[in-house]
Amino acid sequence: MSPTMKSALLVIDVQRGIFETTPPPFDAAAVIDCVNSLAARARMADVPVVFIQHECNGSPLQHGSEKWRLDQRLVVEPRDLAVCKTTPDAFLRTELGDLLAELGTQKLIVCGYASEFCVDTTTRRAAALGFPVVLVSDAHTTHDKRHASGAQIRAHHNATLPNLTSFGPVIEARLAEDVVFEA
């Protein structure tokens, strides 16, 4: 990836009804700390921060409900952007693609929830649309499942997604501390 590509940070589904649960997602507090650090560094580099929120009518994540709101530990600034989605794909039936085009975005940095659903699907769709993607390897998470722990699921996606080469654009997995933001 060219270090001069204009990037945007996508923060997927870090919402109260997902993170403020018992038990919480794997490594939830550390993931939120990483997201806050990434967002602060992105803003310092004039890189847009886009908070993506899942919504589903008639569920705890109904638009506008308390559980739909972003986790209280997130640092959100007025200049940050917001996109609502109804599927694991943050591009499907949303304004995300148009927003990124308007911003001149060429590369995406992805973090959030859930590693095996919304993070995975959005990462794959972004690559299919021509965006190189940096998956922040310590800033995405999920809940433990019957077949695998949240830690195992995250490790699997950190290993698997960068091996997808058929889309063309590169998908990289990097630790939050190794992510470089280019405006």
Protein backbone atom coordinates (compact mmCIF):
# COMPACT_ATOMS: atom_id res chain seq x y z
CA MET A 1 0.00 0.00 0.00
CA SER A 2 1.24 3.43 -0.82
CA PRO A 3 1.91 5.44 2.33
CA THR A 4 0.31 8.45 0.62
CA MET A 5 -3.16 6.92 0.20
CA LYS A 6 -5.88 8.94 1.90
CA SER A 7 -7.38 6.79 4.62
CA ALA A 8 -10.41 6.59 6.92
CA LEU A 9 -10.90 4.75 10.20
CA LEU A 10 -14.03 2.58 10.41
CA VAL A 11 -15.18 1.72 13.95
CA ILE A 12 -17.81 -1.00 13.61
CA ASP A 13 -20.60 -1.72 16.12
CA VAL A 14 -18.94 -0.65 19.39
CA GLN A 15 -22.37 -0.19 20.95
CA ARG A 16 -23.79 -0.42 24.46
CA GLY A 17 -25.98 -3.43 23.73
CA ILE A 18 -22.95 -5.36 22.50
CA PHE A 19 -20.11 -4.23 24.79
CA GLU A 20 -22.00 -3.51 28.01
CA THR A 21 -23.02 -7.15 28.42
CA THR A 22 -22.29 -9.99 30.81
CA PRO A 23 -20.02 -11.47 29.76
CA PRO A 24 -18.54 -8.73 27.58
CA PRO A 25 -16.83 -9.51 24.28
CA PHE A 26 -13.30 -10.91 24.46
CA ASP A 27 -10.77 -8.28 25.60
CA ALA A 28 -13.51 -5.60 25.40
CA ALA A 29 -11.87 -2.94 27.58
CA ALA A 30 -8.54 -3.24 25.75
CA VAL A 31 -10.31 -3.10 22.37
CA ILE A 32 -12.09 0.12 23.40
CA ASP A 33 -8.76 1.59 24.59
CA CYS A 34 -7.22 0.69 21.21
CA VAL A 35 -10.17 2.23 19.34
CA ASN A 36 -9.86 5.46 21.35
CA SER A 37 -6.12 5.60 20.71
CA LEU A 38 -6.60 4.93 16.99
CA ALA A 39 -9.34 7.57 16.73
CA ALA A 40 -7.22 10.18 18.53
CA ARG A 41 -4.26 9.51 16.21
CA ALA A 42 -6.52 9.56 13.16
CA ARG A 43 -7.97 12.93 14.13
CA MET A 44 -4.46 14.35 14.70
CA ALA A 45 -3.61 13.32 11.12
CA ASP A 46 -6.92 14.77 9.80
CA VAL A 47 -8.12 11.26 8.92
CA PRO A 48 -11.90 10.83 9.15
CA VAL A 49 -13.27 8.62 11.93
CA VAL A 50 -16.49 6.85 10.95
CA PHE A 51 -18.56 5.18 13.66
CA ILE A 52 -20.79 2.49 12.20
CA GLN A 53 -23.79 1.34 14.22
CA HIS A 54 -25.90 -1.73 13.64
CA GLU A 55 -29.65 -1.29 14.00
CA CYS A 56 -32.56 -3.69 13.91
CA ASN A 57 -36.19 -2.72 14.45
CA GLY A 58 -37.88 -4.54 17.30
CA SER A 59 -34.57 -5.58 18.88
CA PRO A 60 -32.37 -4.14 21.63
CA LEU A 61 -30.39 -2.45 18.83
CA GLN A 62 -33.39 -0.50 17.57
CA HIS A 63 -32.28 2.88 16.21
CA GLY A 64 -32.17 5.48 19.00
CA SER A 65 -32.48 3.01 21.88
CA GLU A 66 -30.00 3.06 24.78
CA LYS A 67 -28.41 -0.23 23.67
CA TRP A 68 -28.06 1.09 20.10
CA ARG A 69 -25.93 4.03 21.31
CA LEU A 70 -22.15 3.91 21.15
CA ASP A 71 -20.37 2.46 24.18
CA GLN A 72 -19.98 5.12 26.86
CA ARG A 73 -16.21 4.58 27.03
CA LEU A 74 -15.69 5.68 23.43
CA VAL A 75 -14.35 9.15 22.83
CA VAL A 76 -16.47 10.68 20.07
CA GLU A 77 -15.92 14.18 18.71
CA PRO A 78 -18.39 16.38 16.82
CA ARG A 79 -16.37 16.10 13.60
CA ASP A 80 -16.61 12.30 13.61
CA LEU A 81 -19.00 10.74 11.13
CA ALA A 82 -21.75 8.16 11.66
CA VAL A 83 -23.29 5.50 9.45
CA CYS A 84 -26.15 3.15 10.35
CA LYS A 85 -26.37 -0.35 8.89
CA THR A 86 -28.81 -3.27 9.04
CA THR A 87 -26.58 -6.11 7.78
CA PRO A 88 -23.02 -7.29 8.56
CA ASP A 89 -21.88 -5.39 5.43
CA ALA A 90 -21.38 -1.72 6.30
CA PHE A 91 -21.62 -0.87 2.57
CA LEU A 92 -24.90 -2.65 1.80
CA ARG A 93 -27.87 -0.26 1.65
CA THR A 94 -25.91 2.48 3.47
CA GLU A 95 -24.31 5.76 2.51
CA LEU A 96 -20.80 4.53 3.44
CA GLY A 97 -19.58 4.12 -0.14
CA ASP A 98 -20.79 7.59 -1.13
CA LEU A 99 -19.31 9.10 2.03
CA LEU A 100 -15.90 7.55 1.39
CA ALA A 101 -15.98 8.70 -2.24
CA GLU A 102 -16.87 12.23 -1.14
CA LEU A 103 -13.91 12.17 1.28
CA GLY A 104 -11.57 10.86 -1.42
CA THR A 105 -10.77 7.80 0.69
CA GLN A 106 -8.42 5.27 -0.85
CA LYS A 107 -7.56 3.01 2.13
CA LEU A 108 -9.54 1.78 5.14
CA ILE A 109 -8.46 0.99 8.68
CA VAL A 110 -11.02 -1.36 10.25
CA CYS A 111 -11.73 -2.20 13.88
CA GLY A 112 -14.71 -3.07 16.10
CA TYR A 113 -17.21 -5.91 16.49
CA ALA A 114 -17.81 -8.77 15.55
CA SER A 115 -14.66 -10.29 14.12
CA GLU A 116 -16.48 -13.10 12.32
CA PHE A 117 -19.49 -11.11 11.14
CA CYS A 118 -19.46 -7.35 10.59
CA VAL A 119 -15.68 -6.85 10.70
CA ASP A 120 -15.07 -9.78 8.35
CA THR A 121 -17.88 -8.92 5.92
CA THR A 122 -17.03 -5.21 5.76
CA THR A 123 -13.32 -5.97 5.28
CA ARG A 124 -14.06 -8.38 2.41
CA ARG A 125 -16.53 -5.97 0.79
CA ALA A 126 -14.06 -3.09 1.08
CA ALA A 127 -11.38 -5.13 -0.69
CA ALA A 128 -13.89 -6.19 -3.35
CA LEU A 129 -14.67 -2.51 -3.91
CA GLY A 130 -10.97 -1.76 -4.43
CA PHE A 131 -9.92 -0.48 -0.99
CA PRO A 132 -6.69 -1.73 0.57
CA VAL A 133 -7.57 -2.55 4.19
CA VAL A 134 -5.66 -2.54 7.45
CA LEU A 135 -7.43 -4.83 9.91
CA VAL A 136 -6.34 -3.65 13.35
CA SER A 137 -5.44 -7.01 14.84
CA ASP A 138 -5.87 -6.05 18.51
CA ALA A 139 -8.85 -3.72 18.01
CA HIS A 140 -11.57 -6.11 16.88
CA THR A 141 -13.40 -8.65 18.99
CA THR A 142 -16.36 -10.93 19.46
CA HIS A 143 -18.09 -12.95 22.15
CA ASP A 144 -17.08 -16.53 22.87
CA LYS A 145 -19.05 -19.01 20.78
CA ARG A 146 -19.78 -22.72 21.28
CA HIS A 147 -17.21 -23.68 18.65
CA ALA A 148 -14.42 -21.23 19.55
CA SER A 149 -13.44 -18.55 22.03
CA GLY A 150 -13.43 -14.86 21.12
CA ALA A 151 -9.61 -14.98 21.23
CA GLN A 152 -9.54 -17.90 18.78
CA ILE A 153 -12.00 -16.21 16.44
CA ARG A 154 -9.99 -12.98 16.42
CA ALA A 155 -6.74 -14.88 15.81
CA HIS A 156 -8.38 -16.82 12.97
CA HIS A 157 -9.50 -13.65 11.20
CA ASN A 158 -6.13 -11.97 11.73
CA ALA A 159 -4.53 -14.95 10.00
CA THR A 160 -7.18 -15.56 7.32
CA LEU A 161 -8.17 -12.15 5.95
CA PRO A 162 -4.62 -11.09 4.95
CA ASN A 163 -4.35 -14.29 2.90
CA LEU A 164 -7.24 -13.25 0.63
CA THR A 165 -5.50 -12.09 -2.51
CA SER A 166 -8.19 -12.63 -5.15
CA PHE A 167 -9.78 -9.22 -4.53
CA GLY A 168 -6.64 -7.44 -5.69
CA PRO A 169 -6.18 -4.85 -2.94
CA VAL A 170 -4.06 -5.95 0.00
CA ILE A 171 -5.61 -6.75 3.38
CA GLU A 172 -3.09 -6.42 6.19
CA ALA A 173 -3.42 -7.23 9.89
CA ARG A 174 -1.49 -4.80 12.08
CA LEU A 175 -1.36 -4.05 15.78
CA ALA A 176 -2.91 -0.70 16.70
CA GLU A 177 0.48 0.71 17.65
CA ASP A 178 1.78 -0.06 14.14
CA VAL A 179 -1.04 1.68 12.26
CA VAL A 180 0.11 4.82 10.44
CA PHE A 181 -2.53 7.36 9.44
CA GLU A 182 -2.15 9.30 6.20
CA ALA A 183 -4.48 12.21 5.56
